[in-house]
């Protein structure tokens, strides 16, 4: 008997999209500190990068959750997450583990986004 009514890949896809909500809320509530972080990572103009990142994250998240152009949404998600990985490495150096503020979470999330939309 099959108890799962939703495909596991659909659940993963939706979770990957939902995870962008707290990221966007954090950036929207803290544009100043977020801009400082973006500037520290070398993204200029930092304020514009914050706004663009919020837009891309909301677009990717909505596409993944609602299954609207999911491969494009996953591509946008991967782009923004790899940008975040670059920023983390640029600011914190070549650390891997989260305890040392490494990029492994963003890389894992990127891979999950891709796997969630593969047929």
Foldseek 3Di string as FASTA:
>chain_A
DDPDPDDPLLVLLLVLLVVLVVVLVVCVVCVPVQLVLCVLLPDPPSSVVSVVLSVLSNQLSCCSNVVPPLVVSLVSLLVSLVVVQSSQCSNQNCDCDVVSSHSPVSVVSSVSSNVSPDD
